[in-house]
Amino acid sequence: MPRLAAGRIRHTVIFRLSHPEGSSAESEFLTAAGALAAIPGVEEFEILRETSPKNEYRFGISMEFAGPAAYAEYNEHPDHVQFVQERWLAEVTDFLEVDYEPLTP
């Protein structure tokens, strides 16, 4: 993975779903989450599956933004707000969100 350039933000979230593992509901949620990549300003979008037994989270989403303004626009975008209200709040049982800025000399 390339280094995060100065001024950029990497937004990450790890989460568990209420759906059974491998279910069509799980797949449908992940497909819906993938549509977030089309929101203007979203870069380097990935949906990831946890492989370590060190925590109980099953999935992760990672994306980058050119800076704070692009990140704020994403958070306020109607498609993101709708996804959170209609899918995330109803189907995610636990999550941890971490947003990074680079520490570069």
Protein backbone atom coordinates (compact mmCIF):
# COMPACT_ATOMS: atom_id res chain seq x y z
CA MET A 1 0.00 0.00 0.00
CA PRO A 2 1.46 3.39 -0.92
CA ARG A 3 2.17 5.84 1.87
CA LEU A 4 -0.62 8.24 2.69
CA ALA A 5 0.42 11.64 1.34
CA ALA A 6 0.41 14.76 3.49
CA GLY A 7 -3.02 16.34 3.76
CA ARG A 8 -4.90 13.15 2.89
CA ILE A 9 -7.25 11.17 5.15
CA ARG A 10 -7.66 7.41 5.28
CA HIS A 11 -11.09 6.49 6.65
CA THR A 12 -11.43 2.94 7.98
CA VAL A 13 -14.12 1.02 9.77
CA ILE A 14 -14.19 -2.56 11.01
CA PHE A 15 -17.52 -4.18 11.77
CA ARG A 16 -19.73 -7.19 12.46
CA LEU A 17 -23.06 -7.82 10.79
CA SER A 18 -26.25 -9.24 12.23
CA HIS A 19 -26.50 -11.64 9.27
CA PRO A 20 -25.31 -15.25 9.27
CA GLU A 21 -21.89 -15.79 7.74
CA GLY A 22 -22.12 -16.48 4.01
CA SER A 23 -25.80 -15.56 3.83
CA SER A 24 -27.44 -13.70 0.97
CA ALA A 25 -28.27 -10.88 3.43
CA GLU A 26 -24.56 -10.54 4.23
CA SER A 27 -23.72 -10.43 0.52
CA GLU A 28 -26.44 -7.87 -0.17
CA PHE A 29 -25.14 -5.61 2.59
CA LEU A 30 -21.58 -5.78 1.27
CA THR A 31 -22.80 -5.03 -2.26
CA ALA A 32 -24.72 -2.00 -0.96
CA ALA A 33 -21.63 -0.86 0.94
CA GLY A 34 -19.62 -1.13 -2.27
CA ALA A 35 -21.82 1.52 -3.85
CA LEU A 36 -20.24 4.06 -1.48
CA ALA A 37 -17.19 3.98 -3.77
CA ALA A 38 -19.18 5.97 -6.35
CA ILE A 39 -19.60 8.98 -4.05
CA PRO A 40 -17.50 11.90 -5.35
CA GLY A 41 -14.22 12.29 -3.49
CA VAL A 42 -13.91 8.62 -2.45
CA GLU A 43 -10.57 7.14 -3.53
CA GLU A 44 -8.79 3.81 -2.94
CA PHE A 45 -12.02 2.14 -1.77
CA GLU A 46 -11.78 -1.43 -0.46
CA ILE A 47 -14.05 -3.86 1.34
CA LEU A 48 -11.99 -6.35 3.32
CA ARG A 49 -12.57 -9.61 5.21
CA GLU A 50 -10.88 -10.09 8.59
CA THR A 51 -8.51 -13.07 8.61
CA SER A 52 -7.13 -12.89 12.14
CA PRO A 53 -8.77 -14.59 15.13
CA LYS A 54 -7.50 -11.73 17.35
CA ASN A 55 -10.81 -9.85 17.24
CA GLU A 56 -14.47 -10.51 16.54
CA TYR A 57 -14.90 -8.06 13.66
CA ARG A 58 -15.53 -9.78 10.32
CA PHE A 59 -15.21 -7.02 7.72
CA GLY A 60 -13.48 -3.75 7.07
CA ILE A 61 -13.96 -0.84 4.72
CA SER A 62 -11.11 1.48 3.83
CA MET A 63 -11.10 4.58 1.65
CA GLU A 64 -9.06 7.71 1.17
CA PHE A 65 -9.86 11.37 0.68
CA ALA A 66 -7.80 14.24 -0.71
CA GLY A 67 -8.33 16.14 2.55
CA PRO A 68 -10.77 17.23 5.24
CA ALA A 69 -13.14 18.98 2.82
CA ALA A 70 -13.57 15.87 0.67
CA TYR A 71 -14.10 13.75 3.79
CA ALA A 72 -16.74 16.16 5.11
CA GLU A 73 -18.53 16.14 1.74
CA TYR A 74 -18.58 12.33 1.80
CA ASN A 75 -20.04 12.26 5.31
CA GLU A 76 -22.80 14.67 4.27
CA HIS A 77 -23.49 13.14 0.86
CA PRO A 78 -27.12 11.93 0.57
CA ASP A 79 -26.08 8.43 -0.57
CA HIS A 80 -23.83 8.00 2.48
CA VAL A 81 -26.46 9.37 4.87
CA GLN A 82 -29.10 7.07 3.36
CA PHE A 83 -26.81 4.02 3.60
CA VAL A 84 -26.08 4.74 7.26
CA GLN A 85 -29.74 5.30 8.13
CA GLU A 86 -31.24 2.44 6.15
CA ARG A 87 -28.55 -0.26 6.22
CA TRP A 88 -25.71 0.44 8.66
CA LEU A 89 -27.80 1.21 11.75
CA ALA A 90 -30.11 -1.75 11.09
CA GLU A 91 -27.56 -4.41 10.11
CA VAL A 92 -24.26 -3.64 11.86
CA THR A 93 -24.04 -5.02 15.40
CA ASP A 94 -20.66 -3.55 16.37
CA PHE A 95 -18.00 -1.40 14.73
CA LEU A 96 -14.86 0.64 15.26
CA GLU A 97 -14.10 3.63 13.07
CA VAL A 98 -10.57 4.99 12.74
CA ASP A 99 -9.58 7.93 10.55
CA TYR A 100 -5.90 8.56 9.85
CA GLU A 101 -3.74 11.45 8.72
CA PRO A 102 -0.07 10.81 7.96
CA LEU A 103 2.67 11.75 10.36
CA THR A 104 5.37 12.75 7.92
CA PRO A 105 8.49 14.78 8.69
